[in-house]
Amino acid sequence: MKISEKKALKRESILQTALQLFSTQGFHKTTIPDIAKALKMSVGNLYNYFSSKDVLAKEIIKYTSEALGAEIRTINNMNISTEEKVFKIVEVYFTMAKEKPEMIEYFLRVYLSNREVFNDGCEGMICVSGFITEIMIFFDDGVESGALRNQDFFSAFGLFMGYLGGMVFLQGEEVLPKPIEDYIEDISRNIYSALKA
């Protein structure tokens, strides 16, 4: 294995470990030494990869955004109806919330709750552009096909993501009486009904 490949794997490992710790312990309670200890590496070596906790936090939001964006890109490229795409996006989001809860938790509990950390370098939606771009494409395609109402992007995005984020939050708080995947069909139908032309 080449040195560049080893460095890439180590970087990925740092991102995954920090993501897990930030999501479970909180951003402010997690220190660089905590992350280094979990990885069994020195603090100095960790700083060779990321110069600060804030830089690491920004890289994690980009990493999670790209992962979710890649999933939605796959759906956008499918030759299926807009209604079916809504179902698949909800399914992907809820599956990720169940199988990789740290990714959604990071977005909801770290990124949205600690905006001061993300001000410098993540203004607006720069750090979540991988995900936002694919959602924009989904909406544009839906409007172009006549399936979705032409409306302000943020109104549509807020409705879609508010619904998904709210359900994942309720799951995390253990309020839902059924597993989250049992809600995919109803949530998809509700979102599509609210957005359709």
C-alpha atoms as a PDB file:
ATOM      1  CA  MET A   1       0.000   0.000   0.000  1.00  0.00           C
ATOM      2  CA  LYS A   2       1.318   3.418  -0.990  1.00  0.00           C
ATOM      3  CA  ILE A   3       1.942   6.118   1.612  1.00  0.00           C
ATOM      4  CA  SER A   4      -0.788   8.294   0.048  1.00  0.00           C
ATOM      5  CA  GLU A   5      -3.282   5.408   0.387  1.00  0.00           C
ATOM      6  CA  LYS A   6      -2.275   4.863   4.026  1.00  0.00           C
ATOM      7  CA  LYS A   7      -2.716   8.578   4.741  1.00  0.00           C
ATOM      8  CA  ALA A   8      -6.137   8.568   3.050  1.00  0.00           C
ATOM      9  CA  LEU A   9      -7.236   5.564   5.138  1.00  0.00           C
ATOM     10  CA  LYS A  10      -5.945   7.187   8.344  1.00  0.00           C
ATOM     11  CA  ARG A  11      -7.734  10.437   7.463  1.00  0.00           C
ATOM     12  CA  GLU A  12     -10.964   8.489   6.874  1.00  0.00           C
ATOM     13  CA  SER A  13     -10.492   6.726  10.214  1.00  0.00           C
ATOM     14  CA  ILE A  14     -10.056  10.076  11.998  1.00  0.00           C
ATOM     15  CA  LEU A  15     -13.194  11.463  10.353  1.00  0.00           C
ATOM     16  CA  GLN A  16     -15.223   8.378  11.324  1.00  0.00           C
ATOM     17  CA  THR A  17     -13.982   8.364  14.926  1.00  0.00           C
ATOM     18  CA  ALA A  18     -14.465  12.106  15.428  1.00  0.00           C
ATOM     19  CA  LEU A  19     -17.911  11.868  13.842  1.00  0.00           C
ATOM     20  CA  GLN A  20     -18.869   9.155  16.307  1.00  0.00           C
ATOM     21  CA  LEU A  21     -17.511  11.045  19.336  1.00  0.00           C
ATOM     22  CA  PHE A  22     -18.953  14.435  18.357  1.00  0.00           C
ATOM     23  CA  SER A  23     -22.349  12.821  17.723  1.00  0.00           C
ATOM     24  CA  THR A  24     -22.495  10.941  21.021  1.00  0.00           C
ATOM     25  CA  GLN A  25     -20.570  13.177  23.444  1.00  0.00           C
ATOM     26  CA  GLY A  26     -21.245  16.544  21.821  1.00  0.00           C
ATOM     27  CA  PHE A  27     -18.887  18.873  20.000  1.00  0.00           C
ATOM     28  CA  HIS A  28     -17.747  20.962  22.977  1.00  0.00           C
ATOM     29  CA  LYS A  29     -17.255  17.986  25.310  1.00  0.00           C
ATOM     30  CA  THR A  30     -15.087  16.095  22.823  1.00  0.00           C
ATOM     31  CA  THR A  31     -11.419  17.085  22.718  1.00  0.00           C
ATOM     32  CA  ILE A  32      -8.662  16.355  20.224  1.00  0.00           C
ATOM     33  CA  PRO A  33      -6.936  14.174  22.895  1.00  0.00           C
ATOM     34  CA  ASP A  34     -10.214  12.178  23.210  1.00  0.00           C
ATOM     35  CA  ILE A  35     -10.199  11.531  19.472  1.00  0.00           C
ATOM     36  CA  ALA A  36      -6.480  10.661  19.445  1.00  0.00           C
ATOM     37  CA  LYS A  37      -6.954   8.265  22.378  1.00  0.00           C
ATOM     38  CA  ALA A  38      -9.855   6.485  20.629  1.00  0.00           C
ATOM     39  CA  LEU A  39      -7.633   6.063  17.574  1.00  0.00           C
ATOM     40  CA  LYS A  40      -4.593   4.995  19.626  1.00  0.00           C
ATOM     41  CA  MET A  41      -2.501   7.724  18.020  1.00  0.00           C
ATOM     42  CA  SER A  42      -0.650  10.722  19.393  1.00  0.00           C
ATOM     43  CA  VAL A  43      -2.272  14.149  19.544  1.00  0.00           C
ATOM     44  CA  GLY A  44       0.632  15.540  17.516  1.00  0.00           C
ATOM     45  CA  ASN A  45       0.090  13.008  14.772  1.00  0.00           C
ATOM     46  CA  LEU A  46      -3.612  13.823  14.639  1.00  0.00           C
ATOM     47  CA  TYR A  47      -2.714  17.504  14.166  1.00  0.00           C
ATOM     48  CA  ASN A  48      -0.713  16.450  11.087  1.00  0.00           C
ATOM     49  CA  TYR A  49      -4.065  15.586   9.498  1.00  0.00           C
ATOM     50  CA  PHE A  50      -6.293  18.330  10.928  1.00  0.00           C
ATOM     51  CA  SER A  51      -4.917  21.569  12.345  1.00  0.00           C
ATOM     52  CA  SER A  52      -7.795  22.137  14.810  1.00  0.00           C
ATOM     53  CA  LYS A  53     -11.041  20.722  16.113  1.00  0.00           C
ATOM     54  CA  ASP A  54     -12.975  23.327  14.095  1.00  0.00           C
ATOM     55  CA  VAL A  55     -11.232  22.292  10.860  1.00  0.00           C
ATOM     56  CA  LEU A  56     -12.035  18.658  11.646  1.00  0.00           C
ATOM     57  CA  ALA A  57     -15.688  19.557  12.336  1.00  0.00           C
ATOM     58  CA  LYS A  58     -15.973  21.260   8.940  1.00  0.00           C
ATOM     59  CA  GLU A  59     -14.407  18.311   7.150  1.00  0.00           C
ATOM     60  CA  ILE A  60     -16.891  15.959   8.830  1.00  0.00           C
ATOM     61  CA  ILE A  61     -19.923  17.966   7.657  1.00  0.00           C
ATOM     62  CA  LYS A  62     -18.507  17.936   4.111  1.00  0.00           C
ATOM     63  CA  TYR A  63     -17.885  14.186   4.404  1.00  0.00           C
ATOM     64  CA  THR A  64     -21.438  13.418   5.621  1.00  0.00           C
ATOM     65  CA  SER A  65     -22.952  15.758   3.025  1.00  0.00           C
ATOM     66  CA  GLU A  66     -21.036  14.024   0.234  1.00  0.00           C
ATOM     67  CA  ALA A  67     -22.113  10.582   1.480  1.00  0.00           C
ATOM     68  CA  LEU A  68     -25.795  11.541   1.540  1.00  0.00           C
ATOM     69  CA  GLY A  69     -25.445  13.467  -1.724  1.00  0.00           C
ATOM     70  CA  ALA A  70     -24.012  10.376  -3.442  1.00  0.00           C
ATOM     71  CA  GLU A  71     -27.050   8.351  -2.342  1.00  0.00           C
ATOM     72  CA  ILE A  72     -29.460  10.982  -3.689  1.00  0.00           C
ATOM     73  CA  ARG A  73     -27.454  11.299  -6.929  1.00  0.00           C
ATOM     74  CA  THR A  74     -28.090   7.589  -7.513  1.00  0.00           C
ATOM     75  CA  ILE A  75     -31.827   8.174  -7.032  1.00  0.00           C
ATOM     76  CA  ASN A  76     -31.795  11.262  -9.285  1.00  0.00           C
ATOM     77  CA  ASN A  77     -30.275   9.121 -12.054  1.00  0.00           C
ATOM     78  CA  MET A  78     -32.992   6.462 -11.823  1.00  0.00           C
ATOM     79  CA  ASN A  79     -35.640   6.339 -14.529  1.00  0.00           C
ATOM     80  CA  ILE A  80     -38.577   6.444 -12.093  1.00  0.00           C
ATOM     81  CA  SER A  81     -41.364   8.908 -11.277  1.00  0.00           C
ATOM     82  CA  THR A  82     -40.867  11.887  -8.953  1.00  0.00           C
ATOM     83  CA  GLU A  83     -43.227  10.241  -6.466  1.00  0.00           C
ATOM     84  CA  GLU A  84     -41.042   7.123  -6.438  1.00  0.00           C
ATOM     85  CA  LYS A  85     -37.966   9.301  -5.998  1.00  0.00           C
ATOM     86  CA  VAL A  86     -39.528  10.912  -2.911  1.00  0.00           C
ATOM     87  CA  PHE A  87     -40.090   7.422  -1.494  1.00  0.00           C
ATOM     88  CA  LYS A  88     -36.481   6.413  -2.222  1.00  0.00           C
ATOM     89  CA  ILE A  89     -35.031   9.607  -0.691  1.00  0.00           C
ATOM     90  CA  VAL A  90     -37.071   9.081   2.482  1.00  0.00           C
ATOM     91  CA  GLU A  91     -36.002   5.423   2.528  1.00  0.00           C
ATOM     92  CA  VAL A  92     -32.307   6.339   2.143  1.00  0.00           C
ATOM     93  CA  TYR A  93     -32.493   9.013   4.854  1.00  0.00           C
ATOM     94  CA  PHE A  94     -34.286   6.762   7.343  1.00  0.00           C
ATOM     95  CA  THR A  95     -31.989   3.822   6.540  1.00  0.00           C
ATOM     96  CA  MET A  96     -28.955   6.026   7.136  1.00  0.00           C
ATOM     97  CA  ALA A  97     -30.531   7.243  10.394  1.00  0.00           C
ATOM     98  CA  LYS A  98     -30.877   3.623  11.494  1.00  0.00           C
ATOM     99  CA  GLU A  99     -27.621   2.142  10.171  1.00  0.00           C
ATOM    100  CA  LYS A 100     -25.326   5.181  10.523  1.00  0.00           C
ATOM    101  CA  PRO A 101     -27.110   7.327  13.097  1.00  0.00           C
ATOM    102  CA  GLU A 102     -23.949   9.299  13.820  1.00  0.00           C
ATOM    103  CA  MET A 103     -24.154  10.911  10.366  1.00  0.00           C
ATOM    104  CA  ILE A 104     -27.661  12.280  10.845  1.00  0.00           C
ATOM    105  CA  GLU A 105     -27.011  13.057  14.526  1.00  0.00           C
ATOM    106  CA  TYR A 106     -23.946  15.050  13.536  1.00  0.00           C
ATOM    107  CA  PHE A 107     -25.969  17.168  11.151  1.00  0.00           C
ATOM    108  CA  LEU A 108     -28.851  17.718  13.592  1.00  0.00           C
ATOM    109  CA  ARG A 109     -26.964  18.039  16.880  1.00  0.00           C
ATOM    110  CA  VAL A 110     -23.541  19.397  15.918  1.00  0.00           C
ATOM    111  CA  TYR A 111     -23.821  21.274  12.622  1.00  0.00           C
ATOM    112  CA  LEU A 112     -27.178  22.959  13.284  1.00  0.00           C
ATOM    113  CA  SER A 113     -26.560  23.511  17.007  1.00  0.00           C
ATOM    114  CA  ASN A 114     -23.037  24.954  16.826  1.00  0.00           C
ATOM    115  CA  ARG A 115     -23.271  27.338  13.899  1.00  0.00           C
ATOM    116  CA  GLU A 116     -20.503  29.543  15.353  1.00  0.00           C
ATOM    117  CA  VAL A 117     -18.023  26.735  14.660  1.00  0.00           C
ATOM    118  CA  PHE A 118     -19.020  26.655  11.004  1.00  0.00           C
ATOM    119  CA  ASN A 119     -19.130  30.403  10.317  1.00  0.00           C
ATOM    120  CA  ASP A 120     -15.616  30.681   8.943  1.00  0.00           C
ATOM    121  CA  GLY A 121     -15.398  28.557   5.804  1.00  0.00           C
ATOM    122  CA  CYS A 122     -18.890  27.039   5.883  1.00  0.00           C
ATOM    123  CA  GLU A 123     -20.976  30.154   5.259  1.00  0.00           C
ATOM    124  CA  GLY A 124     -24.447  29.558   3.922  1.00  0.00           C
ATOM    125  CA  MET A 125     -24.613  26.002   2.709  1.00  0.00           C
ATOM    126  CA  ILE A 126     -21.068  25.646   1.314  1.00  0.00           C
ATOM    127  CA  CYS A 127     -20.138  22.691   3.524  1.00  0.00           C
ATOM    128  CA  VAL A 128     -23.345  20.801   2.741  1.00  0.00           C
ATOM    129  CA  SER A 129     -23.309  21.516  -0.991  1.00  0.00           C
ATOM    130  CA  GLY A 130     -22.859  17.833  -1.917  1.00  0.00           C
ATOM    131  CA  PHE A 131     -26.267  17.084  -0.445  1.00  0.00           C
ATOM    132  CA  ILE A 132     -27.974  20.406  -1.292  1.00  0.00           C
ATOM    133  CA  THR A 133     -26.979  20.199  -4.966  1.00  0.00           C
ATOM    134  CA  GLU A 134     -28.621  16.798  -5.366  1.00  0.00           C
ATOM    135  CA  ILE A 135     -31.794  17.962  -3.613  1.00  0.00           C
ATOM    136  CA  MET A 136     -31.897  20.991  -5.950  1.00  0.00           C
ATOM    137  CA  ILE A 137     -31.559  18.667  -8.953  1.00  0.00           C
ATOM    138  CA  PHE A 138     -34.383  16.512  -7.575  1.00  0.00           C
ATOM    139  CA  PHE A 139     -36.660  19.562  -7.236  1.00  0.00           C
ATOM    140  CA  ASP A 140     -35.689  20.982 -10.654  1.00  0.00           C
ATOM    141  CA  ASP A 141     -36.355  17.637 -12.365  1.00  0.00           C
ATOM    142  CA  GLY A 142     -39.683  17.286 -10.541  1.00  0.00           C
ATOM    143  CA  VAL A 143     -40.823  20.770 -11.597  1.00  0.00           C
ATOM    144  CA  GLU A 144     -39.619  20.235 -15.172  1.00  0.00           C
ATOM    145  CA  SER A 145     -41.570  16.974 -15.428  1.00  0.00           C
ATOM    146  CA  GLY A 146     -44.703  18.718 -14.142  1.00  0.00           C
ATOM    147  CA  ALA A 147     -44.893  16.509 -11.050  1.00  0.00           C
ATOM    148  CA  LEU A 148     -43.872  19.182  -8.513  1.00  0.00           C
ATOM    149  CA  ARG A 149     -45.176  22.695  -7.997  1.00  0.00           C
ATOM    150  CA  ASN A 150     -42.726  25.439  -8.953  1.00  0.00           C
ATOM    151  CA  GLN A 151     -41.953  27.167  -5.661  1.00  0.00           C
ATOM    152  CA  ASP A 152     -39.153  28.771  -3.710  1.00  0.00           C
ATOM    153  CA  PHE A 153     -36.405  26.185  -3.117  1.00  0.00           C
ATOM    154  CA  PHE A 154     -36.119  26.926   0.608  1.00  0.00           C
ATOM    155  CA  SER A 155     -39.868  26.467   1.152  1.00  0.00           C
ATOM    156  CA  ALA A 156     -39.756  23.064  -0.521  1.00  0.00           C
ATOM    157  CA  PHE A 157     -36.454  22.104   1.100  1.00  0.00           C
ATOM    158  CA  GLY A 158     -37.676  23.174   4.552  1.00  0.00           C
ATOM    159  CA  LEU A 159     -40.804  21.073   4.219  1.00  0.00           C
ATOM    160  CA  PHE A 160     -38.919  18.008   2.985  1.00  0.00           C
ATOM    161  CA  MET A 161     -36.017  18.163   5.433  1.00  0.00           C
ATOM    162  CA  GLY A 162     -38.107  19.406   8.343  1.00  0.00           C
ATOM    163  CA  TYR A 163     -40.251  16.327   8.026  1.00  0.00           C
ATOM    164  CA  LEU A 164     -37.283  13.948   7.744  1.00  0.00           C
ATOM    165  CA  GLY A 165     -35.233  15.638  10.465  1.00  0.00           C
ATOM    166  CA  GLY A 166     -38.236  15.740  12.787  1.00  0.00           C
ATOM    167  CA  MET A 167     -38.884  12.021  12.407  1.00  0.00           C
ATOM    168  CA  VAL A 168     -35.222  11.151  12.953  1.00  0.00           C
ATOM    169  CA  PHE A 169     -35.149  13.400  16.015  1.00  0.00           C
ATOM    170  CA  LEU A 170     -38.232  11.616  17.423  1.00  0.00           C
ATOM    171  CA  GLN A 171     -36.556   8.273  16.753  1.00  0.00           C
ATOM    172  CA  GLY A 172     -33.409   9.431  18.546  1.00  0.00           C
ATOM    173  CA  GLU A 173     -35.487  10.532  21.516  1.00  0.00           C
ATOM    174  CA  GLU A 174     -37.174   7.082  21.475  1.00  0.00           C
ATOM    175  CA  VAL A 175     -40.622   8.675  21.103  1.00  0.00           C
ATOM    176  CA  LEU A 176     -41.778   6.789  17.996  1.00  0.00           C
ATOM    177  CA  PRO A 177     -43.981   3.797  18.864  1.00  0.00           C
ATOM    178  CA  LYS A 178     -42.809   1.887  15.759  1.00  0.00           C
ATOM    179  CA  PRO A 179     -39.424   1.501  14.023  1.00  0.00           C
ATOM    180  CA  ILE A 180     -38.667   4.458  11.744  1.00  0.00           C
ATOM    181  CA  GLU A 181     -38.774   2.340   8.583  1.00  0.00           C
ATOM    182  CA  ASP A 182     -42.475   1.668   9.266  1.00  0.00           C
ATOM    183  CA  TYR A 183     -43.129   5.354   8.536  1.00  0.00           C
ATOM    184  CA  ILE A 184     -41.447   5.518   5.114  1.00  0.00           C
ATOM    185  CA  GLU A 185     -44.630   5.079   3.071  1.00  0.00           C
ATOM    186  CA  ASP A 186     -46.755   7.562   5.053  1.00  0.00           C
ATOM    187  CA  ILE A 187     -44.017  10.194   5.230  1.00  0.00           C
ATOM    188  CA  SER A 188     -43.294   9.834   1.490  1.00  0.00           C
ATOM    189  CA  ARG A 189     -46.974  10.205   0.630  1.00  0.00           C
ATOM    190  CA  ASN A 190     -47.330  13.257   2.879  1.00  0.00           C
ATOM    191  CA  ILE A 191     -44.232  14.964   1.431  1.00  0.00           C
ATOM    192  CA  TYR A 192     -45.255  14.258  -2.150  1.00  0.00           C
ATOM    193  CA  SER A 193     -48.816  15.476  -1.515  1.00  0.00           C
ATOM    194  CA  ALA A 194     -47.457  18.735  -0.072  1.00  0.00           C
ATOM    195  CA  LEU A 195     -45.067  19.344  -2.991  1.00  0.00           C
ATOM    196  CA  LYS A 196     -46.932  18.028  -6.032  1.00  0.00           C
ATOM    197  CA  ALA A 197     -48.243  20.298  -8.796  1.00  0.00           C
END
